[in-house]
Every structure is written in structure tokens, then in C-alpha cells.
Amino acid sequence: MTHQPQQLPADHPPVKSGGIGVLLVNLGTPDAPDAPSVKRYLAEFLSDRRVVEIPPIAWQPILRGIILNTRPKKSAHAYSQVWSEEGSPLMAITRRQSAALQDLLGERVRVDFAMRYGNPAIGDRLQAMMDAGCERILLAPLYPQYSAATTATVVDEASRKLAAMRWQPSLRTLPPYHDDPAYIDALAKDLGRQVDALDFVPEVLLLSFHGMPERTLHLGDPYHCHCQKTARLLEAAMARPGLRFVTTFQSRFGRARWLEPATDVTLEAEARAGTRRIAVATPGFSADCLETLEEIALQGRDQFIEAGGENFAALSCLNDGDAGMAMLERLVRRELSGWI
């Protein structure tokens, strides 16, 4: 007896299914380096309860009445110093990472990217993947060290989209990879290559991670511990006895006490203590952005030189380089196990 394939009704809508997707997610960026764009971006970013854990009734008047009326112009100037023809560095690099990972994984997987704040939005890209037939999606927050203000809020936003979908995809989340041998090895190789290419020999390699309010540590965030472990493993992997490693935290905001030591304070202190040659790496960032290209490479340089330093180098993030992409492919393939 021969079974005939089931025929769909003539009016049945076309449906794509069975696909697998990977959605890379980073923090976000304004649409343009101007005050109105920065204001929209900051309004979304600083209204996230994961980012600012002050009750809205107390925080929103400060945000709307003061911060959004003063900070956008200053931040727009900072963005204008690093903006390129491709747009914001973070957007351009994340787009290249997505394209490179697509090439590495092949046609069996659909790779896309989104930003937690601004465009392209997580919900929009999840819907586009679902519309393209991706019923299984790996959500990949590109944050090596876990924080509620980064990894958790990406998952929150994806969950809000899922809550509004009738037909939901199955979702997995890439775990933090702060101590993963693939990450540490990629960092050690890439930073070692950059240090060797400098026209001076640094006395100090300063590892600057993005700061968080100190209270997040006491509330249970593992972020501080993750950063310290990354720094410890990286120092061991690079194995450079003549190079002194220092771990700091950057991008303080507001009056609350933040994780210390602070990057800007440390740069000045090192110069005043006699350090003349320093290199700064930012291993907590998966792609160069305003915080690395303006805050470190421009402001940090000025702080160090003005305090008496002589040679300063801001080292690049892994970005879409060979070491970083090989690492990302390895992590993603592991999390896709059983799906591909």
C-alpha cells in the first residue's frame, strides 16, 4: 500500500519551520551622534529597572528633569569622536561579528544580531527569525561576565517578546564565559599579539572592566568575582613575568559608590607613582565602543599623560578578529549541541 503525501488545503498560509537561529546581542547605541538620538537612547537605557535599581517614583523625576536635559549633548559629542561611515563602532563590529559567524556556521543556522537598547530591537529580530522558520533560537548575550544589568536584562527583554507571541520558538541562552578556556586563550593570544606590536614595552597592563554600583555585589551579582577571575586567569595565561597586571573598573555614573579601584583614578595614580609606560585592555567588552574608544583611548590617554606618563596604548577588543571569532564559534557550537 502506497501512502500519498498529505495535501495542504489550497488556502493554507505558507509556513516556514524547522530552522535554527543564533541571535547575538550587545548593549546598544544611539541611531546618530546627535543630542536627540542620544536622549532617546539614554531614556530607554536609564529607565531599565535592572540598570538603575532606584524606585521609579524617585528616579524618573531626576532622569527626566535633570539627566536627559544635560547629559545627551555631552554624550553626543563623545559619540561624534568615534562615529564612522559605518555608524557607531559597536553597531558596525557587532554586524561584522554576525556576518563572520554566519560564514563559520554555514547555511544550517541563521545568524542575526540585536541591541538591548535602541535598534535593531531584540523583539523585532526574534520575530524576524521566527518568521524565517527558526523554531529553535540561541540567545547569545555578548557579555563574558554575568551581571543583572547586562545578561539578565537581555533575557528579560526576550521573555517580554515571548510573552506576546502565540507561536513561540524554543529558546536557549549562552551562559557567561568569563572563565571559559576558549575565552581566556583568545584573550591571551590577541592581547599578547597587540602588546608585542607596540613601539614601547609597557610596565603595566591595566585590565579595565565596566563598573557597577558596589551595592550590586552585596545584592548577589557575581559580576565582581567574574571580572577578578577573568583577570587572574588571563595573567596566568599570558605568562609575562616582567609585566605588572592591574584590575580596575571604569564608567562611574552618579553619586553612589561603585566597584573599585576606578580606572581613571588608577591611571593618574600610576603616572604619579612613576609608571611611564602603560597599556590598557578591556576584556569585559566583546566589541570596541564608546567606553573603549573614547573613555579609554582618548580620555584615559590624556589622564595618564597629564599626570606624568609618557607612553600609553589602548588595546583593541576581540571584535571580529580571528581569535575572537574562533572562540565565539566554539562557544555557540557547544550551546547548539543536539540542535545541529
C-alpha atoms as a PDB file:
ATOM      1  CA  MET A   1       0.000   0.000   0.000  1.00  0.00           C
ATOM      2  CA  THR A   2       1.443   3.354  -1.031  1.00  0.00           C
ATOM      3  CA  HIS A   3       0.968   6.363   1.231  1.00  0.00           C
ATOM      4  CA  GLN A   4       0.351   9.626  -0.549  1.00  0.00           C
ATOM      5  CA  PRO A   5       1.881  12.808   0.931  1.00  0.00           C
ATOM      6  CA  GLN A   6      -0.661  14.873   2.821  1.00  0.00           C
ATOM      7  CA  GLN A   7      -2.007  17.703   0.702  1.00  0.00           C
ATOM      8  CA  LEU A   8      -2.494  21.075   2.370  1.00  0.00           C
ATOM      9  CA  PRO A   9      -5.714  22.980   1.688  1.00  0.00           C
ATOM     10  CA  ALA A  10      -5.425  25.424  -1.176  1.00  0.00           C
ATOM     11  CA  ASP A  11      -5.960  28.359   1.167  1.00  0.00           C
ATOM     12  CA  HIS A  12      -3.417  27.211   3.778  1.00  0.00           C
ATOM     13  CA  PRO A  13      -0.977  30.049   4.531  1.00  0.00           C
ATOM     14  CA  PRO A  14       2.679  29.309   3.790  1.00  0.00           C
ATOM     15  CA  VAL A  15       4.592  28.411   6.960  1.00  0.00           C
ATOM     16  CA  LYS A  16       8.330  28.106   7.420  1.00  0.00           C
ATOM     17  CA  SER A  17       9.517  25.861  10.226  1.00  0.00           C
ATOM     18  CA  GLY A  18      12.348  23.631  11.407  1.00  0.00           C
ATOM     19  CA  GLY A  19      15.064  26.270  11.330  1.00  0.00           C
ATOM     20  CA  ILE A  20      17.714  27.112  13.924  1.00  0.00           C
ATOM     21  CA  GLY A  21      18.789  30.654  14.782  1.00  0.00           C
ATOM     22  CA  VAL A  22      21.519  32.408  16.732  1.00  0.00           C
ATOM     23  CA  LEU A  23      20.824  35.939  17.920  1.00  0.00           C
ATOM     24  CA  LEU A  24      23.898  37.875  19.069  1.00  0.00           C
ATOM     25  CA  VAL A  25      23.007  40.690  21.476  1.00  0.00           C
ATOM     26  CA  ASN A  26      25.057  43.633  22.698  1.00  0.00           C
ATOM     27  CA  LEU A  27      24.225  46.699  24.762  1.00  0.00           C
ATOM     28  CA  GLY A  28      23.109  49.202  22.165  1.00  0.00           C
ATOM     29  CA  THR A  29      23.833  52.571  20.634  1.00  0.00           C
ATOM     30  CA  PRO A  30      22.048  55.767  19.584  1.00  0.00           C
ATOM     31  CA  ASP A  31      20.918  55.930  15.970  1.00  0.00           C
ATOM     32  CA  ALA A  32      23.099  59.004  15.367  1.00  0.00           C
ATOM     33  CA  PRO A  33      25.729  61.043  17.242  1.00  0.00           C
ATOM     34  CA  ASP A  34      23.347  63.905  17.987  1.00  0.00           C
ATOM     35  CA  ALA A  35      21.579  65.031  21.150  1.00  0.00           C
ATOM     36  CA  PRO A  36      18.017  63.935  20.216  1.00  0.00           C
ATOM     37  CA  SER A  37      19.186  60.410  19.301  1.00  0.00           C
ATOM     38  CA  VAL A  38      21.293  60.130  22.444  1.00  0.00           C
ATOM     39  CA  LYS A  39      18.373  61.378  24.547  1.00  0.00           C
ATOM     40  CA  ARG A  40      16.077  58.636  23.183  1.00  0.00           C
ATOM     41  CA  TYR A  41      18.746  56.029  23.794  1.00  0.00           C
ATOM     42  CA  LEU A  42      19.517  57.170  27.342  1.00  0.00           C
ATOM     43  CA  ALA A  43      15.820  57.392  28.206  1.00  0.00           C
ATOM     44  CA  GLU A  44      15.405  53.712  27.342  1.00  0.00           C
ATOM     45  CA  PHE A  45      18.684  52.603  28.889  1.00  0.00           C
ATOM     46  CA  LEU A  46      18.361  54.512  32.163  1.00  0.00           C
ATOM     47  CA  SER A  47      14.690  53.561  32.597  1.00  0.00           C
ATOM     48  CA  ASP A  48      15.602  49.868  32.793  1.00  0.00           C
ATOM     49  CA  ARG A  49      14.987  48.719  36.374  1.00  0.00           C
ATOM     50  CA  ARG A  50      17.915  46.305  36.001  1.00  0.00           C
ATOM     51  CA  VAL A  51      20.261  49.203  35.225  1.00  0.00           C
ATOM     52  CA  VAL A  52      19.028  51.732  37.783  1.00  0.00           C
ATOM     53  CA  GLU A  53      17.568  49.989  40.808  1.00  0.00           C
ATOM     54  CA  ILE A  54      16.096  53.105  42.367  1.00  0.00           C
ATOM     55  CA  PRO A  55      12.267  53.104  42.659  1.00  0.00           C
ATOM     56  CA  PRO A  56      10.856  54.886  39.575  1.00  0.00           C
ATOM     57  CA  ILE A  57       8.884  57.342  41.711  1.00  0.00           C
ATOM     58  CA  ALA A  58      12.218  58.683  42.979  1.00  0.00           C
ATOM     59  CA  TRP A  59      14.360  58.116  39.872  1.00  0.00           C
ATOM     60  CA  GLN A  60      12.177  59.249  36.975  1.00  0.00           C
ATOM     61  CA  PRO A  61      11.950  62.938  38.073  1.00  0.00           C
ATOM     62  CA  ILE A  62      15.760  63.012  38.283  1.00  0.00           C
ATOM     63  CA  LEU A  63      16.114  61.275  34.923  1.00  0.00           C
ATOM     64  CA  ARG A  64      13.510  63.367  33.092  1.00  0.00           C
ATOM     65  CA  GLY A  65      14.135  66.654  34.871  1.00  0.00           C
ATOM     66  CA  ILE A  66      17.930  66.728  35.034  1.00  0.00           C
ATOM     67  CA  ILE A  67      19.880  63.939  33.310  1.00  0.00           C
ATOM     68  CA  LEU A  68      18.023  63.888  29.977  1.00  0.00           C
ATOM     69  CA  ASN A  69      18.308  67.668  29.783  1.00  0.00           C
ATOM     70  CA  THR A  70      22.053  67.824  30.437  1.00  0.00           C
ATOM     71  CA  ARG A  71      23.795  64.578  29.516  1.00  0.00           C
ATOM     72  CA  PRO A  72      22.700  63.998  25.850  1.00  0.00           C
ATOM     73  CA  LYS A  73      24.681  66.949  24.450  1.00  0.00           C
ATOM     74  CA  LYS A  74      27.863  65.877  26.242  1.00  0.00           C
ATOM     75  CA  SER A  75      27.414  62.227  25.248  1.00  0.00           C
ATOM     76  CA  ALA A  76      26.632  63.192  21.636  1.00  0.00           C
ATOM     77  CA  HIS A  77      29.985  64.978  21.453  1.00  0.00           C
ATOM     78  CA  ALA A  78      31.718  61.858  22.764  1.00  0.00           C
ATOM     79  CA  TYR A  79      29.938  59.660  20.197  1.00  0.00           C
ATOM     80  CA  SER A  80      30.861  62.068  17.384  1.00  0.00           C
ATOM     81  CA  GLN A  81      34.540  61.467  18.171  1.00  0.00           C
ATOM     82  CA  VAL A  82      34.290  57.735  17.450  1.00  0.00           C
ATOM     83  CA  TRP A  83      31.485  57.593  14.832  1.00  0.00           C
ATOM     84  CA  SER A  84      32.435  56.289  11.401  1.00  0.00           C
ATOM     85  CA  GLU A  85      30.884  55.901   7.962  1.00  0.00           C
ATOM     86  CA  GLU A  86      29.544  52.535   9.166  1.00  0.00           C
ATOM     87  CA  GLY A  87      27.824  54.222  12.106  1.00  0.00           C
ATOM     88  CA  SER A  88      28.598  53.574  15.735  1.00  0.00           C
ATOM     89  CA  PRO A  89      31.610  51.277  16.293  1.00  0.00           C
ATOM     90  CA  LEU A  90      29.568  48.885  18.437  1.00  0.00           C
ATOM     91  CA  MET A  91      26.925  48.505  15.737  1.00  0.00           C
ATOM     92  CA  ALA A  92      29.456  48.088  12.937  1.00  0.00           C
ATOM     93  CA  ILE A  93      31.521  45.499  14.803  1.00  0.00           C
ATOM     94  CA  THR A  94      28.509  43.500  16.014  1.00  0.00           C
ATOM     95  CA  ARG A  95      27.208  43.414  12.441  1.00  0.00           C
ATOM     96  CA  ARG A  96      30.574  42.082  11.264  1.00  0.00           C
ATOM     97  CA  GLN A  97      30.639  39.503  14.061  1.00  0.00           C
ATOM     98  CA  SER A  98      27.207  38.302  12.976  1.00  0.00           C
ATOM     99  CA  ALA A  99      28.267  38.009   9.328  1.00  0.00           C
ATOM    100  CA  ALA A 100      31.503  36.219  10.237  1.00  0.00           C
ATOM    101  CA  LEU A 101      29.692  33.750  12.499  1.00  0.00           C
ATOM    102  CA  GLN A 102      27.185  33.089   9.709  1.00  0.00           C
ATOM    103  CA  ASP A 103      30.078  32.139   7.428  1.00  0.00           C
ATOM    104  CA  LEU A 104      31.581  29.865  10.091  1.00  0.00           C
ATOM    105  CA  LEU A 105      28.333  28.062  10.927  1.00  0.00           C
ATOM    106  CA  GLY A 106      27.047  27.732   7.382  1.00  0.00           C
ATOM    107  CA  GLU A 107      23.529  27.625   5.975  1.00  0.00           C
ATOM    108  CA  ARG A 108      22.176  25.204   8.593  1.00  0.00           C
ATOM    109  CA  VAL A 109      21.914  28.087  11.068  1.00  0.00           C
ATOM    110  CA  ARG A 110      20.548  31.609  10.640  1.00  0.00           C
ATOM    111  CA  VAL A 111      22.665  34.234  12.459  1.00  0.00           C
ATOM    112  CA  ASP A 112      21.419  37.720  13.281  1.00  0.00           C
ATOM    113  CA  PHE A 113      22.141  40.426  15.848  1.00  0.00           C
ATOM    114  CA  ALA A 114      20.210  42.830  18.048  1.00  0.00           C
ATOM    115  CA  MET A 115      20.793  45.521  20.641  1.00  0.00           C
ATOM    116  CA  ARG A 116      19.251  45.596  24.096  1.00  0.00           C
ATOM    117  CA  TYR A 117      18.631  49.339  23.783  1.00  0.00           C
ATOM    118  CA  GLY A 118      17.982  51.106  20.510  1.00  0.00           C
ATOM    119  CA  ASN A 119      17.944  49.347  17.151  1.00  0.00           C
ATOM    120  CA  PRO A 120      17.724  46.632  15.959  1.00  0.00           C
ATOM    121  CA  ALA A 121      15.474  45.606  18.850  1.00  0.00           C
ATOM    122  CA  ILE A 122      15.580  42.123  20.363  1.00  0.00           C
ATOM    123  CA  GLY A 123      11.842  41.561  19.907  1.00  0.00           C
ATOM    124  CA  ASP A 124      11.916  42.569  16.255  1.00  0.00           C
ATOM    125  CA  ARG A 125      14.820  40.241  15.441  1.00  0.00           C
ATOM    126  CA  LEU A 126      13.289  37.310  17.338  1.00  0.00           C
ATOM    127  CA  GLN A 127      10.088  37.788  15.331  1.00  0.00           C
ATOM    128  CA  ALA A 128      12.038  38.005  12.080  1.00  0.00           C
ATOM    129  CA  MET A 129      13.824  34.747  12.937  1.00  0.00           C
ATOM    130  CA  MET A 130      10.544  33.056  13.771  1.00  0.00           C
ATOM    131  CA  ASP A 131       9.024  34.333  10.515  1.00  0.00           C
ATOM    132  CA  ALA A 132      12.017  32.837   8.695  1.00  0.00           C
ATOM    133  CA  GLY A 133      11.242  29.434  10.224  1.00  0.00           C
ATOM    134  CA  CYS A 134      13.647  29.408  13.188  1.00  0.00           C
ATOM    135  CA  GLU A 135      11.775  27.394  15.802  1.00  0.00           C
ATOM    136  CA  ARG A 136      14.911  26.968  17.930  1.00  0.00           C
ATOM    137  CA  ILE A 137      16.926  30.064  18.809  1.00  0.00           C
ATOM    138  CA  LEU A 138      20.114  30.515  20.803  1.00  0.00           C
ATOM    139  CA  LEU A 139      20.072  33.909  22.506  1.00  0.00           C
ATOM    140  CA  ALA A 140      23.719  34.968  22.843  1.00  0.00           C
ATOM    141  CA  PRO A 141      24.364  37.986  25.093  1.00  0.00           C
ATOM    142  CA  LEU A 142      27.931  39.043  24.299  1.00  0.00           C
ATOM    143  CA  TYR A 143      28.858  39.681  27.929  1.00  0.00           C
ATOM    144  CA  PRO A 144      31.638  37.408  29.244  1.00  0.00           C
ATOM    145  CA  GLN A 145      30.951  38.324  32.875  1.00  0.00           C
ATOM    146  CA  TYR A 146      27.404  37.989  34.215  1.00  0.00           C
ATOM    147  CA  SER A 147      25.543  40.979  35.608  1.00  0.00           C
ATOM    148  CA  ALA A 148      21.855  41.546  36.168  1.00  0.00           C
ATOM    149  CA  ALA A 149      22.285  44.859  34.324  1.00  0.00           C
ATOM    150  CA  THR A 150      23.592  43.132  31.192  1.00  0.00           C
ATOM    151  CA  THR A 151      22.879  39.423  30.702  1.00  0.00           C
ATOM    152  CA  ALA A 152      19.710  39.332  32.798  1.00  0.00           C
ATOM    153  CA  THR A 153      18.085  42.311  31.104  1.00  0.00           C
ATOM    154  CA  VAL A 154      18.678  40.720  27.674  1.00  0.00           C
ATOM    155  CA  VAL A 155      16.815  37.622  28.860  1.00  0.00           C
ATOM    156  CA  ASP A 156      14.091  39.844  30.365  1.00  0.00           C
ATOM    157  CA  GLU A 157      13.559  41.600  27.049  1.00  0.00           C
ATOM    158  CA  ALA A 158      13.458  38.336  25.102  1.00  0.00           C
ATOM    159  CA  SER A 159      10.935  36.995  27.607  1.00  0.00           C
ATOM    160  CA  ARG A 160       8.708  40.033  27.125  1.00  0.00           C
ATOM    161  CA  LYS A 161       8.629  39.278  23.411  1.00  0.00           C
ATOM    162  CA  LEU A 162       7.876  35.602  24.016  1.00  0.00           C
ATOM    163  CA  ALA A 163       5.006  36.575  26.319  1.00  0.00           C
ATOM    164  CA  ALA A 164       3.348  38.364  23.389  1.00  0.00           C
ATOM    165  CA  MET A 165       3.852  35.540  20.849  1.00  0.00           C
ATOM    166  CA  ARG A 166       1.224  32.907  20.176  1.00  0.00           C
ATOM    167  CA  TRP A 167       3.705  30.558  18.498  1.00  0.00           C
ATOM    168  CA  GLN A 168       6.924  30.754  20.483  1.00  0.00           C
ATOM    169  CA  PRO A 169      10.320  29.448  19.449  1.00  0.00           C
ATOM    170  CA  SER A 170      12.292  27.250  21.835  1.00  0.00           C
ATOM    171  CA  LEU A 171      14.969  29.401  23.428  1.00  0.00           C
ATOM    172  CA  ARG A 172      18.411  28.701  24.860  1.00  0.00           C
ATOM    173  CA  THR A 173      20.741  31.312  26.397  1.00  0.00           C
ATOM    174  CA  LEU A 174      24.515  31.425  26.035  1.00  0.00           C
ATOM    175  CA  PRO A 175      25.934  31.318  29.585  1.00  0.00           C
ATOM    176  CA  PRO A 176      28.560  33.780  30.814  1.00  0.00           C
ATOM    177  CA  TYR A 177      32.012  32.671  29.682  1.00  0.00           C
ATOM    178  CA  HIS A 178      34.324  34.666  31.983  1.00  0.00           C
ATOM    179  CA  ASP A 179      36.454  31.624  32.841  1.00  0.00           C
ATOM    180  CA  ASP A 180      35.960  29.536  29.723  1.00  0.00           C
ATOM    181  CA  PRO A 181      39.332  28.256  28.433  1.00  0.00           C
ATOM    182  CA  ALA A 182      38.366  29.301  24.887  1.00  0.00           C
ATOM    183  CA  TYR A 183      37.777  32.896  26.018  1.00  0.00           C
ATOM    184  CA  ILE A 184      40.899  33.118  28.154  1.00  0.00           C
ATOM    185  CA  ASP A 185      43.020  31.606  25.381  1.00  0.00           C
ATOM    186  CA  ALA A 186      41.608  34.010  22.776  1.00  0.00           C
ATOM    187  CA  LEU A 187      42.268  37.000  25.035  1.00  0.00           C
ATOM    188  CA  ALA A 188      45.807  35.864  25.875  1.00  0.00           C
ATOM    189  CA  LYS A 189      46.727  35.330  22.232  1.00  0.00           C
ATOM    190  CA  ASP A 190      45.146  38.528  20.937  1.00  0.00           C
ATOM    191  CA  LEU A 191      46.403  40.811  23.714  1.00  0.00           C
ATOM    192  CA  GLY A 192      49.851  39.206  23.559  1.00  0.00           C
ATOM    193  CA  ARG A 193      49.990  39.925  19.837  1.00  0.00           C
ATOM    194  CA  GLN A 194      48.982  43.553  20.396  1.00  0.00           C
ATOM    195  CA  VAL A 195      51.482  44.105  23.211  1.00  0.00           C
ATOM    196  CA  ASP A 196      54.280  42.658  21.079  1.00  0.00           C
ATOM    197  CA  ALA A 197      53.379  45.040  18.243  1.00  0.00           C
ATOM    198  CA  LEU A 198      53.702  48.182  20.384  1.00  0.00           C
ATOM    199  CA  ASP A 199      56.650  50.513  19.826  1.00  0.00           C
ATOM    200  CA  PHE A 200      57.332  50.503  23.567  1.00  0.00           C
ATOM    201  CA  VAL A 201      57.447  47.875  26.320  1.00  0.00           C
ATOM    202  CA  PRO A 202      54.673  48.532  28.861  1.00  0.00           C
ATOM    203  CA  GLU A 203      55.432  48.300  32.553  1.00  0.00           C
ATOM    204  CA  VAL A 204      51.751  47.776  33.394  1.00  0.00           C
ATOM    205  CA  LEU A 205      48.855  46.061  31.628  1.00  0.00           C
ATOM    206  CA  LEU A 206      45.742  47.611  33.109  1.00  0.00           C
ATOM    207  CA  LEU A 207      42.615  45.455  32.724  1.00  0.00           C
ATOM    208  CA  SER A 208      39.641  47.812  32.786  1.00  0.00           C
ATOM    209  CA  PHE A 209      36.166  46.317  33.209  1.00  0.00           C
ATOM    210  CA  HIS A 210      32.916  48.241  33.060  1.00  0.00           C
ATOM    211  CA  GLY A 211      31.947  49.444  36.520  1.00  0.00           C
ATOM    212  CA  MET A 212      28.825  48.604  38.505  1.00  0.00           C
ATOM    213  CA  PRO A 213      27.450  50.149  41.700  1.00  0.00           C
ATOM    214  CA  GLU A 214      29.049  48.420  44.683  1.00  0.00           C
ATOM    215  CA  ARG A 215      25.621  47.525  46.070  1.00  0.00           C
ATOM    216  CA  THR A 216      25.110  45.067  43.183  1.00  0.00           C
ATOM    217  CA  LEU A 217      27.901  42.964  44.677  1.00  0.00           C
ATOM    218  CA  HIS A 218      26.189  42.884  48.069  1.00  0.00           C
ATOM    219  CA  LEU A 219      22.825  42.135  46.438  1.00  0.00           C
ATOM    220  CA  GLY A 220      24.232  38.962  44.885  1.00  0.00           C
ATOM    221  CA  ASP A 221      25.628  39.832  41.443  1.00  0.00           C
ATOM    222  CA  PRO A 222      28.635  37.603  40.633  1.00  0.00           C
ATOM    223  CA  TYR A 223      29.997  40.290  38.309  1.00  0.00           C
ATOM    224  CA  HIS A 224      32.866  41.488  40.506  1.00  0.00           C
ATOM    225  CA  CYS A 225      34.002  37.907  41.128  1.00  0.00           C
ATOM    226  CA  HIS A 226      33.727  37.074  37.405  1.00  0.00           C
ATOM    227  CA  CYS A 227      35.907  40.070  36.486  1.00  0.00           C
ATOM    228  CA  GLN A 228      38.519  39.194  39.086  1.00  0.00           C
ATOM    229  CA  LYS A 229      38.632  35.571  37.907  1.00  0.00           C
ATOM    230  CA  THR A 230      38.999  36.633  34.263  1.00  0.00           C
ATOM    231  CA  ALA A 231      41.894  38.899  35.239  1.00  0.00           C
ATOM    232  CA  ARG A 232      43.597  36.190  37.290  1.00  0.00           C
ATOM    233  CA  LEU A 233      43.284  33.546  34.560  1.00  0.00           C
ATOM    234  CA  LEU A 234      44.386  35.986  31.860  1.00  0.00           C
ATOM    235  CA  GLU A 235      47.518  36.971  33.766  1.00  0.00           C
ATOM    236  CA  ALA A 236      48.428  33.292  34.182  1.00  0.00           C
ATOM    237  CA  ALA A 237      47.737  32.530  30.506  1.00  0.00           C
ATOM    238  CA  MET A 238      49.812  35.442  29.210  1.00  0.00           C
ATOM    239  CA  ALA A 239      52.741  34.425  31.436  1.00  0.00           C
ATOM    240  CA  ARG A 240      54.710  37.689  31.244  1.00  0.00           C
ATOM    241  CA  PRO A 241      56.793  37.970  34.436  1.00  0.00           C
ATOM    242  CA  GLY A 242      58.046  41.478  33.658  1.00  0.00           C
ATOM    243  CA  LEU A 243      54.564  42.869  33.110  1.00  0.00           C
ATOM    244  CA  ARG A 244      52.503  44.015  36.120  1.00  0.00           C
ATOM    245  CA  PHE A 245      48.745  43.407  35.833  1.00  0.00           C
ATOM    246  CA  VAL A 246      46.259  45.788  37.480  1.00  0.00           C
ATOM    247  CA  THR A 247      42.463  45.318  37.506  1.00  0.00           C
ATOM    248  CA  THR A 248      40.156  48.366  37.565  1.00  0.00           C
ATOM    249  CA  PHE A 249      36.570  49.438  36.838  1.00  0.00           C
ATOM    250  CA  GLN A 250      35.509  52.300  34.552  1.00  0.00           C
ATOM    251  CA  SER A 251      32.449  54.388  33.619  1.00  0.00           C
ATOM    252  CA  ARG A 252      31.299  55.537  37.041  1.00  0.00           C
ATOM    253  CA  PHE A 253      27.983  57.401  36.967  1.00  0.00           C
ATOM    254  CA  GLY A 254      26.147  59.255  39.714  1.00  0.00           C
ATOM    255  CA  ARG A 255      26.984  59.664  43.384  1.00  0.00           C
ATOM    256  CA  ALA A 256      26.691  56.056  44.565  1.00  0.00           C
ATOM    257  CA  ARG A 257      29.798  54.094  45.497  1.00  0.00           C
ATOM    258  CA  TRP A 258      30.998  51.975  42.561  1.00  0.00           C
ATOM    259  CA  LEU A 259      33.300  48.997  42.304  1.00  0.00           C
ATOM    260  CA  GLU A 260      36.915  49.984  42.857  1.00  0.00           C
ATOM    261  CA  PRO A 261      39.653  50.736  42.062  1.00  0.00           C
ATOM    262  CA  ALA A 262      38.450  53.204  39.433  1.00  0.00           C
ATOM    263  CA  THR A 263      40.218  53.215  36.071  1.00  0.00           C
ATOM    264  CA  ASP A 264      40.620  56.991  35.800  1.00  0.00           C
ATOM    265  CA  VAL A 265      41.931  57.342  39.352  1.00  0.00           C
ATOM    266  CA  THR A 266      44.336  54.443  38.827  1.00  0.00           C
ATOM    267  CA  LEU A 267      45.743  55.855  35.580  1.00  0.00           C
ATOM    268  CA  GLU A 268      46.608  59.107  37.306  1.00  0.00           C
ATOM    269  CA  ALA A 269      47.962  57.342  40.395  1.00  0.00           C
ATOM    270  CA  GLU A 270      50.207  55.068  38.309  1.00  0.00           C
ATOM    271  CA  ALA A 271      51.695  58.028  36.447  1.00  0.00           C
ATOM    272  CA  ARG A 272      52.300  59.966  39.649  1.00  0.00           C
ATOM    273  CA  ALA A 273      53.923  56.883  41.219  1.00  0.00           C
ATOM    274  CA  GLY A 274      56.453  56.728  38.390  1.00  0.00           C
ATOM    275  CA  THR A 275      54.882  54.405  35.807  1.00  0.00           C
ATOM    276  CA  ARG A 276      55.846  55.801  32.413  1.00  0.00           C
ATOM    277  CA  ARG A 277      54.625  53.105  30.001  1.00  0.00           C
ATOM    278  CA  ILE A 278      51.162  51.577  30.253  1.00  0.00           C
ATOM    279  CA  ALA A 279      48.781  49.563  28.074  1.00  0.00           C
ATOM    280  CA  VAL A 280      45.063  49.255  28.790  1.00  0.00           C
ATOM    281  CA  ALA A 281      42.912  46.285  27.779  1.00  0.00           C
ATOM    282  CA  THR A 282      39.141  45.996  28.201  1.00  0.00           C
ATOM    283  CA  PRO A 283      38.454  42.238  28.374  1.00  0.00           C
ATOM    284  CA  GLY A 284      34.863  42.648  29.554  1.00  0.00           C
ATOM    285  CA  PHE A 285      33.838  44.208  26.223  1.00  0.00           C
ATOM    286  CA  SER A 286      33.307  41.915  23.245  1.00  0.00           C
ATOM    287  CA  ALA A 287      33.474  44.840  20.808  1.00  0.00           C
ATOM    288  CA  ASP A 288      35.041  48.280  20.829  1.00  0.00           C
ATOM    289  CA  CYS A 289      32.567  51.007  21.664  1.00  0.00           C
ATOM    290  CA  LEU A 290      32.274  54.467  23.214  1.00  0.00           C
ATOM    291  CA  GLU A 291      33.653  53.190  26.534  1.00  0.00           C
ATOM    292  CA  THR A 292      36.819  51.796  24.962  1.00  0.00           C
ATOM    293  CA  LEU A 293      37.436  54.194  22.064  1.00  0.00           C
ATOM    294  CA  GLU A 294      36.558  57.478  23.775  1.00  0.00           C
ATOM    295  CA  GLU A 295      36.684  56.913  27.527  1.00  0.00           C
ATOM    296  CA  ILE A 296      39.881  54.833  27.487  1.00  0.00           C
ATOM    297  CA  ALA A 297      41.727  55.630  24.244  1.00  0.00           C
ATOM    298  CA  LEU A 298      41.106  59.403  24.407  1.00  0.00           C
ATOM    299  CA  GLN A 299      40.226  60.431  27.970  1.00  0.00           C
ATOM    300  CA  GLY A 300      42.395  57.757  29.566  1.00  0.00           C
ATOM    301  CA  ARG A 301      45.389  58.724  27.484  1.00  0.00           C
ATOM    302  CA  ASP A 302      45.016  62.379  28.472  1.00  0.00           C
ATOM    303  CA  GLN A 303      44.677  61.488  32.160  1.00  0.00           C
ATOM    304  CA  PHE A 304      47.814  59.349  32.120  1.00  0.00           C
ATOM    305  CA  ILE A 305      49.970  61.751  30.105  1.00  0.00           C
ATOM    306  CA  GLU A 306      48.880  64.842  32.045  1.00  0.00           C
ATOM    307  CA  ALA A 307      49.775  63.086  35.310  1.00  0.00           C
ATOM    308  CA  GLY A 308      53.314  62.409  34.087  1.00  0.00           C
ATOM    309  CA  GLY A 309      53.069  59.249  31.972  1.00  0.00           C
ATOM    310  CA  GLU A 310      54.891  59.008  28.660  1.00  0.00           C
ATOM    311  CA  ASN A 311      53.673  56.010  26.596  1.00  0.00           C
ATOM    312  CA  PHE A 312      50.025  54.931  26.519  1.00  0.00           C
ATOM    313  CA  ALA A 313      48.281  52.297  24.408  1.00  0.00           C
ATOM    314  CA  ALA A 314      44.603  51.322  24.352  1.00  0.00           C
ATOM    315  CA  LEU A 315      44.411  47.730  23.106  1.00  0.00           C
ATOM    316  CA  SER A 316      41.530  46.587  20.909  1.00  0.00           C
ATOM    317  CA  CYS A 317      38.784  44.223  21.999  1.00  0.00           C
ATOM    318  CA  LEU A 318      38.485  40.804  20.356  1.00  0.00           C
ATOM    319  CA  ASN A 319      35.943  42.296  17.924  1.00  0.00           C
ATOM    320  CA  ASP A 320      35.584  40.235  14.723  1.00  0.00           C
ATOM    321  CA  GLY A 321      39.246  39.201  14.620  1.00  0.00           C
ATOM    322  CA  ASP A 322      40.297  35.608  14.045  1.00  0.00           C
ATOM    323  CA  ALA A 323      40.879  34.774  17.717  1.00  0.00           C
ATOM    324  CA  GLY A 324      37.573  36.237  18.838  1.00  0.00           C
ATOM    325  CA  MET A 325      35.525  34.628  16.085  1.00  0.00           C
ATOM    326  CA  ALA A 326      37.105  31.201  16.624  1.00  0.00           C
ATOM    327  CA  MET A 327      36.179  31.499  20.298  1.00  0.00           C
ATOM    328  CA  LEU A 328      32.619  32.607  19.530  1.00  0.00           C
ATOM    329  CA  GLU A 329      32.124  29.780  17.060  1.00  0.00           C
ATOM    330  CA  ARG A 330      33.312  27.259  19.656  1.00  0.00           C
ATOM    331  CA  LEU A 331      31.000  28.605  22.365  1.00  0.00           C
ATOM    332  CA  VAL A 332      27.993  28.776  20.057  1.00  0.00           C
ATOM    333  CA  ARG A 333      28.510  25.305  18.593  1.00  0.00           C
ATOM    334  CA  ARG A 334      28.665  23.888  22.108  1.00  0.00           C
ATOM    335  CA  GLU A 335      25.367  25.525  23.054  1.00  0.00           C
ATOM    336  CA  LEU A 336      23.744  24.331  19.808  1.00  0.00           C
ATOM    337  CA  SER A 337      24.628  20.720  20.658  1.00  0.00           C
ATOM    338  CA  GLY A 338      21.667  18.474  19.931  1.00  0.00           C
ATOM    339  CA  TRP A 339      20.171  21.034  17.586  1.00  0.00           C
ATOM    340  CA  ILE A 340      22.824  20.739  14.870  1.00  0.00           C
END
